[in-house]
Amino acid sequence: MSVVKIGEVDIQKCRNELESFDLNHQQIPLQGRSVDDTDGATGKMSDLGAPEQYYTEFLHQQCPYINNIIKKYDMVRTRIMSLKQYSCYSYHQDGSARIHIPISTDHGCFIIINKIVYELPADGSVYMVDTTEFHTAINGSYTPNFIRTHIVGAYHGVE
């Protein structure tokens, strides 16, 4: 299966810790290669300066709950990924599986993997997503100016 629920978090604690971030940015790194690496973990994998497993340093000490989630699920190169209304990503493959924690989503937001559509609610669920398969994410929300937001990290246990 391409999407598997692997746990739960306190979604309100996550949202509270993310209140200080400008979610209009498409990607905000939560981990870097060093505490000073404030943008090295964002963008395409081909543009990274090092393998994903090197992005382990926590960049935001004001997020202790989220940092503990990252540790618990063995995540690296973790980011806040926001997708503006009526937007999508290219149809692509990643080098490893991703852990997704939906923070803000609605019925117009989907992940498509191998042309199969998945809806991941923002209810505190944590998902392992096989992004080594072709996939994309879509924000087709009817809610004006709605931003789909997920915490996404590469699963360290997969190369």
Protein backbone atom coordinates (compact mmCIF):
# COMPACT_ATOMS: atom_id res chain seq x y z
CA MET A 1 0.00 0.00 0.00
CA SER A 2 1.25 3.48 -0.85
CA VAL A 3 -0.15 5.25 2.24
CA VAL A 4 -0.21 3.70 5.72
CA LYS A 5 -1.25 5.34 8.98
CA ILE A 6 1.58 4.73 11.46
CA GLY A 7 0.56 6.82 14.46
CA GLU A 8 -1.08 9.89 15.92
CA VAL A 9 0.03 13.24 17.30
CA ASP A 10 -1.66 16.09 19.13
CA ILE A 11 -2.57 18.18 16.09
CA GLN A 12 -3.42 21.25 18.17
CA LYS A 13 0.05 21.26 19.80
CA CYS A 14 1.57 21.10 16.32
CA ARG A 15 -0.59 23.97 15.08
CA ASN A 16 0.27 26.05 18.15
CA GLU A 17 4.00 25.61 17.55
CA LEU A 18 3.61 26.52 13.87
CA GLU A 19 1.71 29.77 14.55
CA SER A 20 4.89 31.86 14.33
CA PHE A 21 5.77 30.61 10.83
CA ASP A 22 4.74 32.33 7.60
CA LEU A 23 3.01 29.44 5.86
CA ASN A 24 2.87 31.38 2.59
CA HIS A 25 6.38 29.99 1.94
CA GLN A 26 6.23 26.74 0.00
CA GLN A 27 8.87 25.02 2.15
CA ILE A 28 10.23 25.90 5.58
CA PRO A 29 13.01 23.66 6.89
CA LEU A 30 12.69 22.19 10.38
CA GLN A 31 16.01 20.33 10.09
CA GLY A 32 19.30 21.20 8.42
CA ARG A 33 22.89 19.98 8.24
CA SER A 34 23.76 22.43 11.00
CA VAL A 35 21.82 24.83 13.22
CA ASP A 36 22.79 27.61 10.79
CA ASP A 37 21.53 25.74 7.70
CA THR A 38 18.26 27.63 7.36
CA ASP A 39 17.42 26.76 3.75
CA GLY A 40 19.63 23.85 2.70
CA ALA A 41 16.92 21.23 3.22
CA THR A 42 14.37 22.85 0.92
CA GLY A 43 13.88 22.37 -2.78
CA LYS A 44 14.47 19.37 -4.99
CA MET A 45 16.58 16.45 -3.83
CA SER A 46 18.88 16.94 -6.83
CA ASP A 47 19.70 20.43 -5.53
CA LEU A 48 20.72 19.30 -2.03
CA GLY A 49 24.32 19.74 -0.98
CA ALA A 50 24.37 16.38 0.80
CA PRO A 51 22.34 13.17 1.14
CA GLU A 52 19.05 13.56 3.01
CA GLN A 53 20.27 11.63 6.06
CA TYR A 54 22.69 14.50 6.83
CA TYR A 55 19.79 16.89 7.57
CA THR A 56 19.28 16.06 11.24
CA GLU A 57 19.93 19.26 13.20
CA PHE A 58 16.85 20.96 14.66
CA LEU A 59 16.48 24.54 13.45
CA HIS A 60 13.62 25.74 15.65
CA GLN A 61 13.92 25.27 19.40
CA GLN A 62 10.48 26.93 19.80
CA CYS A 63 9.01 23.65 18.44
CA PRO A 64 9.86 21.10 21.17
CA TYR A 65 6.75 19.00 20.54
CA ILE A 66 7.35 18.81 16.79
CA ASN A 67 11.06 18.11 17.34
CA ASN A 68 10.08 15.15 19.54
CA ILE A 69 7.77 13.86 16.80
CA ILE A 70 10.66 14.10 14.32
CA LYS A 71 12.84 12.04 16.69
CA LYS A 72 10.10 9.50 17.41
CA TYR A 73 9.47 8.76 13.73
CA ASP A 74 13.16 8.84 12.74
CA MET A 75 12.68 11.68 10.28
CA VAL A 76 15.40 13.62 8.47
CA ARG A 77 15.22 16.65 6.21
CA THR A 78 11.90 17.54 7.78
CA ARG A 79 10.06 20.55 6.40
CA ILE A 80 6.79 22.40 6.62
CA MET A 81 5.37 22.09 3.14
CA SER A 82 2.61 24.49 2.12
CA LEU A 83 0.64 24.41 -1.08
CA LYS A 84 -1.45 27.41 -2.03
CA GLN A 85 -4.99 27.11 -3.33
CA TYR A 86 -5.30 25.82 -6.93
CA SER A 87 -1.71 24.53 -6.95
CA CYS A 88 0.04 21.19 -7.38
CA TYR A 89 3.55 19.72 -7.48
CA SER A 90 5.09 18.07 -10.51
CA TYR A 91 4.49 14.34 -10.92
CA HIS A 92 7.75 12.95 -9.55
CA GLN A 93 9.51 10.27 -7.48
CA ASP A 94 11.57 10.72 -4.33
CA GLY A 95 14.56 8.64 -3.26
CA SER A 96 12.94 7.51 -0.02
CA ALA A 97 9.58 7.23 1.68
CA ARG A 98 8.14 10.29 3.42
CA ILE A 99 6.31 10.70 6.66
CA HIS A 100 3.40 13.12 6.36
CA ILE A 101 1.58 14.86 9.18
CA PRO A 102 -1.29 16.89 7.70
CA ILE A 103 -1.69 20.16 9.60
CA SER A 104 -4.20 22.00 7.43
CA THR A 105 -6.18 20.32 4.68
CA ASP A 106 -9.74 19.95 3.41
CA HIS A 107 -11.80 17.85 0.99
CA GLY A 108 -10.21 19.54 -2.03
CA CYS A 109 -6.68 18.46 -1.09
CA PHE A 110 -5.20 15.17 -2.27
CA ILE A 111 -2.06 13.16 -2.74
CA ILE A 112 -2.00 11.12 -5.94
CA ILE A 113 0.34 8.12 -6.05
CA ASN A 114 0.49 6.01 -9.21
CA LYS A 115 -2.73 7.69 -10.33
CA ILE A 116 -4.57 6.61 -7.16
CA VAL A 117 -6.05 9.47 -5.12
CA TYR A 118 -5.61 9.64 -1.32
CA GLU A 119 -7.17 12.14 1.05
CA LEU A 120 -5.19 12.61 4.27
CA PRO A 121 -7.24 14.46 6.91
CA ALA A 122 -5.63 16.88 9.35
CA ASP A 123 -6.85 14.93 12.38
CA GLY A 124 -3.52 14.12 14.07
CA SER A 125 -2.77 11.05 11.97
CA VAL A 126 0.82 10.32 10.94
CA TYR A 127 1.27 8.60 7.58
CA MET A 128 4.09 6.70 5.89
CA VAL A 129 3.80 7.58 2.21
CA ASP A 130 5.67 5.66 -0.48
CA THR A 131 6.95 8.64 -2.43
CA THR A 132 9.44 6.44 -4.28
CA GLU A 133 6.44 5.88 -6.56
CA PHE A 134 5.30 8.63 -8.93
CA HIS A 135 3.20 11.11 -6.97
CA THR A 136 1.96 14.67 -6.66
CA ALA A 137 -0.06 16.75 -4.20
CA ILE A 138 -2.98 18.98 -5.13
CA ASN A 139 -4.72 21.84 -3.34
CA GLY A 140 -8.00 22.21 -5.18
CA SER A 141 -9.82 23.68 -2.19
CA TYR A 142 -12.85 25.90 -2.72
CA THR A 143 -12.07 27.76 0.51
CA PRO A 144 -10.70 31.21 -0.45
CA ASN A 145 -6.92 31.50 0.06
CA PHE A 146 -6.74 28.05 1.67
CA ILE A 147 -3.20 26.75 2.24
CA ARG A 148 -2.67 22.99 2.49
CA THR A 149 0.07 22.40 5.07
CA HIS A 150 1.88 19.19 5.99
CA ILE A 151 4.95 18.42 8.07
CA VAL A 152 6.98 16.15 5.80
CA GLY A 153 10.20 14.32 6.58
CA ALA A 154 12.20 11.66 4.86
CA TYR A 155 12.13 8.37 6.71
CA HIS A 156 15.71 7.84 7.86
CA GLY A 157 15.38 4.07 7.79
CA VAL A 158 15.14 4.11 3.97
CA GLU A 159 18.03 5.15 1.71
